[in-house]
Amino acid sequence: MVAREYDYWLLDLDGTLIDVDWSYPRSVFDRVGDRLGREFTDREAEILWHGLGGNRNDQLREWDIDPEDFWPAFHDIEDPQRRAEETYLYDDAAFVGELDCPVGLVTHCQPFLANPVLDELDIRDWFDTVICCDEELGWKPDPAPLHHAREQIGVHQNGHDGVYAGDGASDVGAAWNAGLDAIHVERHGHHRREQCVLGDYRVETFDELLANASAD
Protein backbone atom coordinates (compact mmCIF):
# COMPACT_ATOMS: atom_id res chain seq x y z
CA MET A 1 0.00 0.00 0.00
CA VAL A 2 1.35 3.43 -0.95
CA ALA A 3 0.42 4.76 2.48
CA ARG A 4 3.03 2.58 4.11
CA GLU A 5 5.78 4.12 2.01
CA TYR A 6 5.49 7.35 4.01
CA ASP A 7 6.22 8.29 7.60
CA TYR A 8 3.40 10.85 7.56
CA TRP A 9 0.62 12.23 5.39
CA LEU A 10 -0.63 15.77 4.84
CA LEU A 11 -3.88 16.33 2.96
CA ASP A 12 -6.03 19.09 1.51
CA LEU A 13 -9.73 19.13 2.42
CA ASP A 14 -12.15 20.61 -0.16
CA GLY A 15 -12.15 18.75 -3.46
CA THR A 16 -9.72 16.18 -2.11
CA LEU A 17 -11.50 14.45 0.78
CA ILE A 18 -14.88 16.18 0.60
CA ASP A 19 -17.19 18.07 -1.72
CA VAL A 20 -20.55 19.81 -1.44
CA ASP A 21 -23.84 19.45 -3.26
CA TRP A 22 -23.86 21.91 -6.16
CA SER A 23 -27.03 23.64 -4.99
CA TYR A 24 -25.10 25.24 -2.13
CA PRO A 25 -22.29 26.99 -4.10
CA ARG A 26 -24.82 27.95 -6.78
CA SER A 27 -26.91 29.75 -4.17
CA VAL A 28 -23.81 31.44 -2.71
CA PHE A 29 -22.73 32.80 -6.09
CA ASP A 30 -26.27 33.99 -6.81
CA ARG A 31 -26.22 36.08 -3.63
CA VAL A 32 -22.63 37.29 -4.17
CA GLY A 33 -23.62 38.31 -7.69
CA ASP A 34 -26.58 40.27 -6.34
CA ARG A 35 -24.31 42.09 -3.92
CA LEU A 36 -21.63 42.88 -6.51
CA GLY A 37 -24.09 43.66 -9.31
CA ARG A 38 -22.63 40.95 -11.51
CA GLU A 39 -24.14 37.58 -12.47
CA PHE A 40 -21.98 34.45 -12.26
CA THR A 41 -22.58 31.68 -14.78
CA ASP A 42 -22.47 28.05 -13.68
CA ARG A 43 -19.08 27.71 -15.35
CA GLU A 44 -17.66 30.78 -13.61
CA ALA A 45 -19.00 29.62 -10.26
CA GLU A 46 -17.52 26.16 -10.82
CA ILE A 47 -14.11 27.61 -11.75
CA LEU A 48 -13.96 29.77 -8.63
CA TRP A 49 -15.44 27.23 -6.22
CA HIS A 50 -13.07 24.44 -7.25
CA GLY A 51 -10.11 26.62 -8.22
CA LEU A 52 -10.10 25.13 -11.71
CA GLY A 53 -8.43 28.18 -13.22
CA GLY A 54 -5.51 28.22 -10.79
CA ASN A 55 -5.06 31.24 -8.53
CA ARG A 56 -8.56 32.52 -7.72
CA ASN A 57 -7.50 36.14 -7.28
CA ASP A 58 -5.85 36.16 -10.69
CA GLN A 59 -9.03 34.67 -12.15
CA LEU A 60 -11.17 37.33 -10.50
CA ARG A 61 -8.98 40.11 -11.85
CA GLU A 62 -9.18 38.57 -15.34
CA TRP A 63 -12.96 38.99 -15.05
CA ASP A 64 -12.53 42.59 -13.81
CA ILE A 65 -13.64 41.69 -10.27
CA ASP A 66 -11.64 43.15 -7.39
CA PRO A 67 -10.73 40.33 -4.95
CA GLU A 68 -11.03 42.84 -2.10
CA ASP A 69 -14.69 43.27 -3.01
CA PHE A 70 -15.38 39.63 -3.78
CA TRP A 71 -13.98 37.80 -0.75
CA PRO A 72 -15.65 39.83 2.03
CA ALA A 73 -18.99 39.39 0.26
CA PHE A 74 -18.35 35.70 -0.33
CA HIS A 75 -17.42 34.92 3.28
CA ASP A 76 -20.23 37.08 4.66
CA ILE A 77 -22.79 35.13 2.65
CA GLU A 78 -21.42 31.66 3.39
CA ASP A 79 -23.54 29.66 5.85
CA PRO A 80 -21.18 27.33 7.77
CA GLN A 81 -23.87 25.00 9.10
CA ARG A 82 -25.77 24.69 5.82
CA ARG A 83 -22.50 24.10 4.01
CA ALA A 84 -21.56 21.39 6.49
CA GLU A 85 -24.94 19.69 6.13
CA GLU A 86 -24.65 19.63 2.34
CA THR A 87 -21.04 18.39 2.35
CA TYR A 88 -20.22 14.76 1.64
CA LEU A 89 -17.11 12.62 2.07
CA TYR A 90 -15.67 10.90 -0.97
CA ASP A 91 -15.89 7.13 -0.51
CA ASP A 92 -12.25 6.62 -1.43
CA ALA A 93 -11.14 9.05 1.31
CA ALA A 94 -12.04 6.57 4.06
CA PHE A 95 -8.50 5.15 4.06
CA VAL A 96 -7.28 8.33 5.77
CA GLY A 97 -9.02 7.26 8.96
CA GLU A 98 -7.06 4.00 8.87
CA LEU A 99 -3.58 5.48 8.41
CA ASP A 100 -1.21 4.30 11.11
CA CYS A 101 1.09 7.33 11.04
CA PRO A 102 0.90 11.06 11.79
CA VAL A 103 -1.70 12.80 9.60
CA GLY A 104 -2.23 16.52 9.10
CA LEU A 105 -4.86 18.56 7.31
CA VAL A 106 -3.72 21.72 5.48
CA THR A 107 -6.54 23.66 3.87
CA HIS A 108 -7.41 27.09 2.47
CA CYS A 109 -10.84 26.60 4.04
CA GLN A 110 -11.17 28.98 6.98
CA PRO A 111 -11.83 27.71 10.53
CA PHE A 112 -15.43 28.99 10.65
CA LEU A 113 -16.16 26.76 7.63
CA ALA A 114 -13.78 23.85 8.21
CA ASN A 115 -14.72 23.13 11.82
CA PRO A 116 -18.45 22.52 11.22
CA VAL A 117 -17.61 20.22 8.29
CA LEU A 118 -15.15 18.15 10.33
CA ASP A 119 -17.73 17.80 13.10
CA GLU A 120 -20.67 17.08 10.78
CA LEU A 121 -18.76 14.33 8.95
CA ASP A 122 -17.19 13.08 12.20
CA ILE A 123 -13.67 13.02 10.77
CA ARG A 124 -11.86 15.40 13.10
CA ASP A 125 -10.13 12.51 14.85
CA TRP A 126 -8.52 11.47 11.56
CA PHE A 127 -6.06 14.33 11.91
CA ASP A 128 -3.33 15.05 14.41
CA THR A 129 -3.40 18.70 13.39
CA VAL A 130 -5.64 20.96 11.32
CA ILE A 131 -3.95 23.95 9.66
CA CYS A 132 -6.06 26.64 7.99
CA CYS A 133 -4.01 28.91 5.73
CA ASP A 134 -4.23 32.67 6.22
CA GLU A 135 -2.37 35.87 5.36
CA GLU A 136 0.00 35.49 8.28
CA LEU A 137 0.84 31.83 7.72
CA GLY A 138 0.74 31.93 3.92
CA TRP A 139 -1.31 30.42 1.10
CA LYS A 140 -0.38 27.39 -0.98
CA PRO A 141 1.85 27.00 -3.02
CA ASP A 142 3.78 28.72 -0.21
CA PRO A 143 5.22 25.77 1.75
CA ALA A 144 4.95 27.56 5.13
CA PRO A 145 1.56 25.99 6.06
CA LEU A 146 2.97 22.52 5.35
CA HIS A 147 6.09 23.27 7.38
CA HIS A 148 3.85 24.38 10.24
CA ALA A 149 1.81 21.18 9.99
CA ARG A 150 4.98 19.10 10.20
CA GLU A 151 6.04 20.95 13.32
CA GLN A 152 2.63 20.27 14.86
CA ILE A 153 2.78 16.51 14.23
CA GLY A 154 6.43 16.22 15.27
CA VAL A 155 8.13 15.25 12.01
CA HIS A 156 11.07 16.85 10.25
CA GLN A 157 11.98 17.51 6.64
CA ASN A 158 15.17 15.53 7.04
CA GLY A 159 14.80 11.98 8.25
CA HIS A 160 11.08 11.54 7.55
CA ASP A 161 9.45 10.81 4.19
CA GLY A 162 6.11 12.54 3.73
CA VAL A 163 3.48 13.21 1.11
CA TYR A 164 0.87 15.88 0.51
CA ALA A 165 -2.33 15.11 -1.41
CA GLY A 166 -4.59 17.72 -2.98
CA ASP A 167 -6.78 18.47 -5.96
CA GLY A 168 -5.15 21.67 -7.22
CA ALA A 169 -1.94 22.86 -8.83
CA SER A 170 -1.25 24.96 -5.73
CA ASP A 171 -1.32 21.77 -3.65
CA VAL A 172 1.30 20.12 -5.84
CA GLY A 173 3.38 23.30 -5.76
CA ALA A 174 3.18 23.48 -1.97
CA ALA A 175 4.22 19.84 -1.65
CA TRP A 176 7.25 20.23 -3.90
CA ASN A 177 8.21 23.55 -2.32
CA ALA A 178 8.14 21.81 1.06
CA GLY A 179 10.24 18.88 -0.19
CA LEU A 180 7.35 16.40 -0.13
CA ASP A 181 6.02 13.99 -2.72
CA ALA A 182 2.80 15.26 -4.29
CA ILE A 183 -0.40 13.39 -5.06
CA HIS A 184 -2.75 15.20 -7.43
CA VAL A 185 -6.31 13.93 -7.13
CA GLU A 186 -8.18 15.02 -10.26
CA ARG A 187 -11.83 14.99 -9.24
CA HIS A 188 -13.07 17.03 -12.21
CA GLY A 189 -11.21 15.76 -15.27
CA HIS A 190 -8.65 17.61 -17.36
CA HIS A 191 -11.31 18.73 -19.83
CA ARG A 192 -13.13 20.70 -17.13
CA ARG A 193 -9.94 22.04 -15.59
CA GLU A 194 -8.61 22.92 -19.07
CA GLN A 195 -5.07 22.19 -17.93
CA CYS A 196 -3.02 19.18 -16.87
CA VAL A 197 -1.65 19.20 -13.31
CA LEU A 198 1.48 17.15 -12.78
CA GLY A 199 2.41 15.31 -9.60
CA ASP A 200 4.45 12.38 -8.33
CA TYR A 201 1.14 10.51 -8.42
CA ARG A 202 -1.75 11.54 -10.67
CA VAL A 203 -5.02 9.80 -9.87
CA GLU A 204 -8.76 10.35 -10.11
CA THR A 205 -9.40 8.59 -6.79
CA PHE A 206 -7.24 7.34 -3.94
CA ASP A 207 -8.45 3.83 -4.81
CA GLU A 208 -6.05 3.91 -7.77
CA LEU A 209 -3.08 4.26 -5.42
CA LEU A 210 -4.27 1.38 -3.29
CA ALA A 211 -5.00 -0.81 -6.31
CA ASN A 212 -1.60 -0.13 -7.87
CA ALA A 213 0.12 -0.89 -4.58
CA SER A 214 -1.77 -4.17 -4.25
CA ALA A 215 -0.81 -5.13 -7.80
CA ASP A 216 2.86 -4.53 -6.97
C-alpha atoms as a PDB file:
ATOM      1  CA  MET A   1       0.000   0.000   0.000  1.00  0.00           C
ATOM      2  CA  VAL A   2       1.353   3.426  -0.952  1.00  0.00           C
ATOM      3  CA  ALA A   3       0.416   4.765   2.476  1.00  0.00           C
ATOM      4  CA  ARG A   4       3.025   2.578   4.113  1.00  0.00           C
ATOM      5  CA  GLU A   5       5.783   4.125   2.012  1.00  0.00           C
ATOM      6  CA  TYR A   6       5.492   7.349   4.012  1.00  0.00           C
ATOM      7  CA  ASP A   7       6.217   8.287   7.601  1.00  0.00           C
ATOM      8  CA  TYR A   8       3.399  10.854   7.564  1.00  0.00           C
ATOM      9  CA  TRP A   9       0.619  12.227   5.387  1.00  0.00           C
ATOM     10  CA  LEU A  10      -0.625  15.771   4.844  1.00  0.00           C
ATOM     11  CA  LEU A  11      -3.882  16.326   2.959  1.00  0.00           C
ATOM     12  CA  ASP A  12      -6.027  19.089   1.507  1.00  0.00           C
ATOM     13  CA  LEU A  13      -9.735  19.132   2.416  1.00  0.00           C
ATOM     14  CA  ASP A  14     -12.149  20.609  -0.157  1.00  0.00           C
ATOM     15  CA  GLY A  15     -12.154  18.751  -3.459  1.00  0.00           C
ATOM     16  CA  THR A  16      -9.720  16.175  -2.110  1.00  0.00           C
ATOM     17  CA  LEU A  17     -11.504  14.452   0.779  1.00  0.00           C
ATOM     18  CA  ILE A  18     -14.879  16.179   0.602  1.00  0.00           C
ATOM     19  CA  ASP A  19     -17.189  18.072  -1.717  1.00  0.00           C
ATOM     20  CA  VAL A  20     -20.546  19.813  -1.444  1.00  0.00           C
ATOM     21  CA  ASP A  21     -23.835  19.450  -3.258  1.00  0.00           C
ATOM     22  CA  TRP A  22     -23.855  21.915  -6.156  1.00  0.00           C
ATOM     23  CA  SER A  23     -27.029  23.640  -4.986  1.00  0.00           C
ATOM     24  CA  TYR A  24     -25.097  25.236  -2.129  1.00  0.00           C
ATOM     25  CA  PRO A  25     -22.293  26.987  -4.100  1.00  0.00           C
ATOM     26  CA  ARG A  26     -24.817  27.953  -6.778  1.00  0.00           C
ATOM     27  CA  SER A  27     -26.913  29.748  -4.166  1.00  0.00           C
ATOM     28  CA  VAL A  28     -23.806  31.438  -2.708  1.00  0.00           C
ATOM     29  CA  PHE A  29     -22.732  32.805  -6.086  1.00  0.00           C
ATOM     30  CA  ASP A  30     -26.273  33.990  -6.809  1.00  0.00           C
ATOM     31  CA  ARG A  31     -26.216  36.076  -3.632  1.00  0.00           C
ATOM     32  CA  VAL A  32     -22.632  37.293  -4.167  1.00  0.00           C
ATOM     33  CA  GLY A  33     -23.616  38.312  -7.688  1.00  0.00           C
ATOM     34  CA  ASP A  34     -26.580  40.270  -6.343  1.00  0.00           C
ATOM     35  CA  ARG A  35     -24.310  42.087  -3.916  1.00  0.00           C
ATOM     36  CA  LEU A  36     -21.632  42.879  -6.510  1.00  0.00           C
ATOM     37  CA  GLY A  37     -24.094  43.664  -9.312  1.00  0.00           C
ATOM     38  CA  ARG A  38     -22.631  40.954 -11.513  1.00  0.00           C
ATOM     39  CA  GLU A  39     -24.142  37.584 -12.465  1.00  0.00           C
ATOM     40  CA  PHE A  40     -21.976  34.451 -12.257  1.00  0.00           C
ATOM     41  CA  THR A  41     -22.576  31.684 -14.780  1.00  0.00           C
ATOM     42  CA  ASP A  42     -22.474  28.048 -13.678  1.00  0.00           C
ATOM     43  CA  ARG A  43     -19.081  27.708 -15.346  1.00  0.00           C
ATOM     44  CA  GLU A  44     -17.658  30.775 -13.614  1.00  0.00           C
ATOM     45  CA  ALA A  45     -18.998  29.615 -10.260  1.00  0.00           C
ATOM     46  CA  GLU A  46     -17.517  26.160 -10.821  1.00  0.00           C
ATOM     47  CA  ILE A  47     -14.112  27.606 -11.752  1.00  0.00           C
ATOM     48  CA  LEU A  48     -13.960  29.767  -8.627  1.00  0.00           C
ATOM     49  CA  TRP A  49     -15.441  27.235  -6.219  1.00  0.00           C
ATOM     50  CA  HIS A  50     -13.068  24.444  -7.248  1.00  0.00           C
ATOM     51  CA  GLY A  51     -10.114  26.625  -8.224  1.00  0.00           C
ATOM     52  CA  LEU A  52     -10.095  25.132 -11.707  1.00  0.00           C
ATOM     53  CA  GLY A  53      -8.430  28.182 -13.217  1.00  0.00           C
ATOM     54  CA  GLY A  54      -5.507  28.223 -10.790  1.00  0.00           C
ATOM     55  CA  ASN A  55      -5.062  31.238  -8.529  1.00  0.00           C
ATOM     56  CA  ARG A  56      -8.559  32.519  -7.724  1.00  0.00           C
ATOM     57  CA  ASN A  57      -7.502  36.144  -7.279  1.00  0.00           C
ATOM     58  CA  ASP A  58      -5.846  36.156 -10.689  1.00  0.00           C
ATOM     59  CA  GLN A  59      -9.027  34.668 -12.149  1.00  0.00           C
ATOM     60  CA  LEU A  60     -11.174  37.335 -10.498  1.00  0.00           C
ATOM     61  CA  ARG A  61      -8.981  40.113 -11.850  1.00  0.00           C
ATOM     62  CA  GLU A  62      -9.179  38.572 -15.337  1.00  0.00           C
ATOM     63  CA  TRP A  63     -12.956  38.988 -15.046  1.00  0.00           C
ATOM     64  CA  ASP A  64     -12.529  42.593 -13.807  1.00  0.00           C
ATOM     65  CA  ILE A  65     -13.639  41.691 -10.270  1.00  0.00           C
ATOM     66  CA  ASP A  66     -11.639  43.151  -7.386  1.00  0.00           C
ATOM     67  CA  PRO A  67     -10.732  40.332  -4.952  1.00  0.00           C
ATOM     68  CA  GLU A  68     -11.028  42.835  -2.096  1.00  0.00           C
ATOM     69  CA  ASP A  69     -14.689  43.275  -3.013  1.00  0.00           C
ATOM     70  CA  PHE A  70     -15.385  39.626  -3.780  1.00  0.00           C
ATOM     71  CA  TRP A  71     -13.983  37.799  -0.747  1.00  0.00           C
ATOM     72  CA  PRO A  72     -15.649  39.832   2.034  1.00  0.00           C
ATOM     73  CA  ALA A  73     -18.995  39.394   0.263  1.00  0.00           C
ATOM     74  CA  PHE A  74     -18.351  35.698  -0.332  1.00  0.00           C
ATOM     75  CA  HIS A  75     -17.422  34.925   3.279  1.00  0.00           C
ATOM     76  CA  ASP A  76     -20.228  37.076   4.662  1.00  0.00           C
ATOM     77  CA  ILE A  77     -22.785  35.127   2.646  1.00  0.00           C
ATOM     78  CA  GLU A  78     -21.415  31.664   3.393  1.00  0.00           C
ATOM     79  CA  ASP A  79     -23.544  29.664   5.848  1.00  0.00           C
ATOM     80  CA  PRO A  80     -21.179  27.328   7.766  1.00  0.00           C
ATOM     81  CA  GLN A  81     -23.874  25.000   9.102  1.00  0.00           C
ATOM     82  CA  ARG A  82     -25.765  24.686   5.825  1.00  0.00           C
ATOM     83  CA  ARG A  83     -22.497  24.101   4.006  1.00  0.00           C
ATOM     84  CA  ALA A  84     -21.560  21.389   6.490  1.00  0.00           C
ATOM     85  CA  GLU A  85     -24.939  19.692   6.134  1.00  0.00           C
ATOM     86  CA  GLU A  86     -24.646  19.634   2.338  1.00  0.00           C
ATOM     87  CA  THR A  87     -21.039  18.390   2.351  1.00  0.00           C
ATOM     88  CA  TYR A  88     -20.219  14.757   1.641  1.00  0.00           C
ATOM     89  CA  LEU A  89     -17.112  12.620   2.075  1.00  0.00           C
ATOM     90  CA  TYR A  90     -15.665  10.902  -0.973  1.00  0.00           C
ATOM     91  CA  ASP A  91     -15.893   7.133  -0.506  1.00  0.00           C
ATOM     92  CA  ASP A  92     -12.252   6.621  -1.434  1.00  0.00           C
ATOM     93  CA  ALA A  93     -11.144   9.048   1.307  1.00  0.00           C
ATOM     94  CA  ALA A  94     -12.039   6.568   4.055  1.00  0.00           C
ATOM     95  CA  PHE A  95      -8.499   5.147   4.057  1.00  0.00           C
ATOM     96  CA  VAL A  96      -7.277   8.329   5.771  1.00  0.00           C
ATOM     97  CA  GLY A  97      -9.021   7.256   8.960  1.00  0.00           C
ATOM     98  CA  GLU A  98      -7.058   3.997   8.868  1.00  0.00           C
ATOM     99  CA  LEU A  99      -3.580   5.479   8.411  1.00  0.00           C
ATOM    100  CA  ASP A 100      -1.207   4.299  11.108  1.00  0.00           C
ATOM    101  CA  CYS A 101       1.087   7.327  11.041  1.00  0.00           C
ATOM    102  CA  PRO A 102       0.896  11.064  11.791  1.00  0.00           C
ATOM    103  CA  VAL A 103      -1.700  12.800   9.602  1.00  0.00           C
ATOM    104  CA  GLY A 104      -2.231  16.523   9.104  1.00  0.00           C
ATOM    105  CA  LEU A 105      -4.858  18.563   7.306  1.00  0.00           C
ATOM    106  CA  VAL A 106      -3.721  21.722   5.482  1.00  0.00           C
ATOM    107  CA  THR A 107      -6.539  23.665   3.870  1.00  0.00           C
ATOM    108  CA  HIS A 108      -7.406  27.086   2.469  1.00  0.00           C
ATOM    109  CA  CYS A 109     -10.841  26.599   4.040  1.00  0.00           C
ATOM    110  CA  GLN A 110     -11.168  28.978   6.976  1.00  0.00           C
ATOM    111  CA  PRO A 111     -11.832  27.711  10.532  1.00  0.00           C
ATOM    112  CA  PHE A 112     -15.426  28.988  10.646  1.00  0.00           C
ATOM    113  CA  LEU A 113     -16.157  26.764   7.628  1.00  0.00           C
ATOM    114  CA  ALA A 114     -13.777  23.851   8.213  1.00  0.00           C
ATOM    115  CA  ASN A 115     -14.724  23.130  11.818  1.00  0.00           C
ATOM    116  CA  PRO A 116     -18.455  22.524  11.216  1.00  0.00           C
ATOM    117  CA  VAL A 117     -17.614  20.216   8.295  1.00  0.00           C
ATOM    118  CA  LEU A 118     -15.150  18.150  10.330  1.00  0.00           C
ATOM    119  CA  ASP A 119     -17.730  17.803  13.097  1.00  0.00           C
ATOM    120  CA  GLU A 120     -20.666  17.084  10.779  1.00  0.00           C
ATOM    121  CA  LEU A 121     -18.757  14.330   8.954  1.00  0.00           C
ATOM    122  CA  ASP A 122     -17.188  13.080  12.204  1.00  0.00           C
ATOM    123  CA  ILE A 123     -13.667  13.016  10.767  1.00  0.00           C
ATOM    124  CA  ARG A 124     -11.860  15.402  13.101  1.00  0.00           C
ATOM    125  CA  ASP A 125     -10.125  12.511  14.853  1.00  0.00           C
ATOM    126  CA  TRP A 126      -8.524  11.466  11.558  1.00  0.00           C
ATOM    127  CA  PHE A 127      -6.055  14.326  11.913  1.00  0.00           C
ATOM    128  CA  ASP A 128      -3.325  15.046  14.413  1.00  0.00           C
ATOM    129  CA  THR A 129      -3.399  18.699  13.393  1.00  0.00           C
ATOM    130  CA  VAL A 130      -5.638  20.960  11.316  1.00  0.00           C
ATOM    131  CA  ILE A 131      -3.949  23.954   9.658  1.00  0.00           C
ATOM    132  CA  CYS A 132      -6.061  26.645   7.994  1.00  0.00           C
ATOM    133  CA  CYS A 133      -4.014  28.908   5.731  1.00  0.00           C
ATOM    134  CA  ASP A 134      -4.235  32.673   6.217  1.00  0.00           C
ATOM    135  CA  GLU A 135      -2.375  35.870   5.360  1.00  0.00           C
ATOM    136  CA  GLU A 136      -0.003  35.485   8.278  1.00  0.00           C
ATOM    137  CA  LEU A 137       0.844  31.826   7.724  1.00  0.00           C
ATOM    138  CA  GLY A 138       0.739  31.932   3.920  1.00  0.00           C
ATOM    139  CA  TRP A 139      -1.306  30.424   1.100  1.00  0.00           C
ATOM    140  CA  LYS A 140      -0.380  27.394  -0.985  1.00  0.00           C
ATOM    141  CA  PRO A 141       1.848  26.998  -3.015  1.00  0.00           C
ATOM    142  CA  ASP A 142       3.776  28.719  -0.208  1.00  0.00           C
ATOM    143  CA  PRO A 143       5.222  25.770   1.755  1.00  0.00           C
ATOM    144  CA  ALA A 144       4.949  27.556   5.130  1.00  0.00           C
ATOM    145  CA  PRO A 145       1.560  25.988   6.064  1.00  0.00           C
ATOM    146  CA  LEU A 146       2.974  22.523   5.351  1.00  0.00           C
ATOM    147  CA  HIS A 147       6.092  23.266   7.380  1.00  0.00           C
ATOM    148  CA  HIS A 148       3.853  24.377  10.240  1.00  0.00           C
ATOM    149  CA  ALA A 149       1.806  21.180   9.994  1.00  0.00           C
ATOM    150  CA  ARG A 150       4.982  19.100  10.202  1.00  0.00           C
ATOM    151  CA  GLU A 151       6.039  20.948  13.321  1.00  0.00           C
ATOM    152  CA  GLN A 152       2.632  20.271  14.860  1.00  0.00           C
ATOM    153  CA  ILE A 153       2.785  16.513  14.228  1.00  0.00           C
ATOM    154  CA  GLY A 154       6.426  16.216  15.274  1.00  0.00           C
ATOM    155  CA  VAL A 155       8.129  15.249  12.014  1.00  0.00           C
ATOM    156  CA  HIS A 156      11.065  16.853  10.253  1.00  0.00           C
ATOM    157  CA  GLN A 157      11.980  17.513   6.641  1.00  0.00           C
ATOM    158  CA  ASN A 158      15.172  15.535   7.036  1.00  0.00           C
ATOM    159  CA  GLY A 159      14.797  11.979   8.246  1.00  0.00           C
ATOM    160  CA  HIS A 160      11.080  11.542   7.552  1.00  0.00           C
ATOM    161  CA  ASP A 161       9.448  10.807   4.195  1.00  0.00           C
ATOM    162  CA  GLY A 162       6.112  12.544   3.730  1.00  0.00           C
ATOM    163  CA  VAL A 163       3.478  13.209   1.105  1.00  0.00           C
ATOM    164  CA  TYR A 164       0.867  15.882   0.505  1.00  0.00           C
ATOM    165  CA  ALA A 165      -2.326  15.109  -1.407  1.00  0.00           C
ATOM    166  CA  GLY A 166      -4.587  17.718  -2.977  1.00  0.00           C
ATOM    167  CA  ASP A 167      -6.780  18.469  -5.958  1.00  0.00           C
ATOM    168  CA  GLY A 168      -5.147  21.669  -7.224  1.00  0.00           C
ATOM    169  CA  ALA A 169      -1.942  22.859  -8.835  1.00  0.00           C
ATOM    170  CA  SER A 170      -1.248  24.960  -5.729  1.00  0.00           C
ATOM    171  CA  ASP A 171      -1.318  21.770  -3.648  1.00  0.00           C
ATOM    172  CA  VAL A 172       1.305  20.118  -5.839  1.00  0.00           C
ATOM    173  CA  GLY A 173       3.383  23.301  -5.758  1.00  0.00           C
ATOM    174  CA  ALA A 174       3.185  23.478  -1.967  1.00  0.00           C
ATOM    175  CA  ALA A 175       4.218  19.842  -1.651  1.00  0.00           C
ATOM    176  CA  TRP A 176       7.248  20.227  -3.896  1.00  0.00           C
ATOM    177  CA  ASN A 177       8.211  23.548  -2.317  1.00  0.00           C
ATOM    178  CA  ALA A 178       8.144  21.807   1.061  1.00  0.00           C
ATOM    179  CA  GLY A 179      10.236  18.882  -0.186  1.00  0.00           C
ATOM    180  CA  LEU A 180       7.348  16.396  -0.133  1.00  0.00           C
ATOM    181  CA  ASP A 181       6.018  13.993  -2.717  1.00  0.00           C
ATOM    182  CA  ALA A 182       2.804  15.265  -4.294  1.00  0.00           C
ATOM    183  CA  ILE A 183      -0.402  13.394  -5.055  1.00  0.00           C
ATOM    184  CA  HIS A 184      -2.747  15.195  -7.430  1.00  0.00           C
ATOM    185  CA  VAL A 185      -6.307  13.930  -7.133  1.00  0.00           C
ATOM    186  CA  GLU A 186      -8.178  15.017 -10.258  1.00  0.00           C
ATOM    187  CA  ARG A 187     -11.832  14.985  -9.236  1.00  0.00           C
ATOM    188  CA  HIS A 188     -13.069  17.025 -12.206  1.00  0.00           C
ATOM    189  CA  GLY A 189     -11.209  15.759 -15.271  1.00  0.00           C
ATOM    190  CA  HIS A 190      -8.653  17.607 -17.359  1.00  0.00           C
ATOM    191  CA  HIS A 191     -11.309  18.728 -19.835  1.00  0.00           C
ATOM    192  CA  ARG A 192     -13.131  20.699 -17.127  1.00  0.00           C
ATOM    193  CA  ARG A 193      -9.935  22.045 -15.586  1.00  0.00           C
ATOM    194  CA  GLU A 194      -8.612  22.917 -19.068  1.00  0.00           C
ATOM    195  CA  GLN A 195      -5.072  22.189 -17.930  1.00  0.00           C
ATOM    196  CA  CYS A 196      -3.022  19.180 -16.867  1.00  0.00           C
ATOM    197  CA  VAL A 197      -1.654  19.200 -13.314  1.00  0.00           C
ATOM    198  CA  LEU A 198       1.482  17.150 -12.782  1.00  0.00           C
ATOM    199  CA  GLY A 199       2.414  15.311  -9.596  1.00  0.00           C
ATOM    200  CA  ASP A 200       4.454  12.379  -8.334  1.00  0.00           C
ATOM    201  CA  TYR A 201       1.145  10.513  -8.420  1.00  0.00           C
ATOM    202  CA  ARG A 202      -1.751  11.543 -10.673  1.00  0.00           C
ATOM    203  CA  VAL A 203      -5.024   9.797  -9.872  1.00  0.00           C
ATOM    204  CA  GLU A 204      -8.759  10.347 -10.112  1.00  0.00           C
ATOM    205  CA  THR A 205      -9.405   8.589  -6.795  1.00  0.00           C
ATOM    206  CA  PHE A 206      -7.245   7.340  -3.937  1.00  0.00           C
ATOM    207  CA  ASP A 207      -8.447   3.835  -4.813  1.00  0.00           C
ATOM    208  CA  GLU A 208      -6.047   3.909  -7.767  1.00  0.00           C
ATOM    209  CA  LEU A 209      -3.079   4.258  -5.422  1.00  0.00           C
ATOM    210  CA  LEU A 210      -4.269   1.380  -3.286  1.00  0.00           C
ATOM    211  CA  ALA A 211      -4.998  -0.813  -6.313  1.00  0.00           C
ATOM    212  CA  ASN A 212      -1.603  -0.126  -7.872  1.00  0.00           C
ATOM    213  CA  ALA A 213       0.123  -0.891  -4.585  1.00  0.00           C
ATOM    214  CA  SER A 214      -1.775  -4.171  -4.254  1.00  0.00           C
ATOM    215  CA  ALA A 215      -0.807  -5.131  -7.800  1.00  0.00           C
ATOM    216  CA  ASP A 216       2.860  -4.528  -6.971  1.00  0.00           C
END
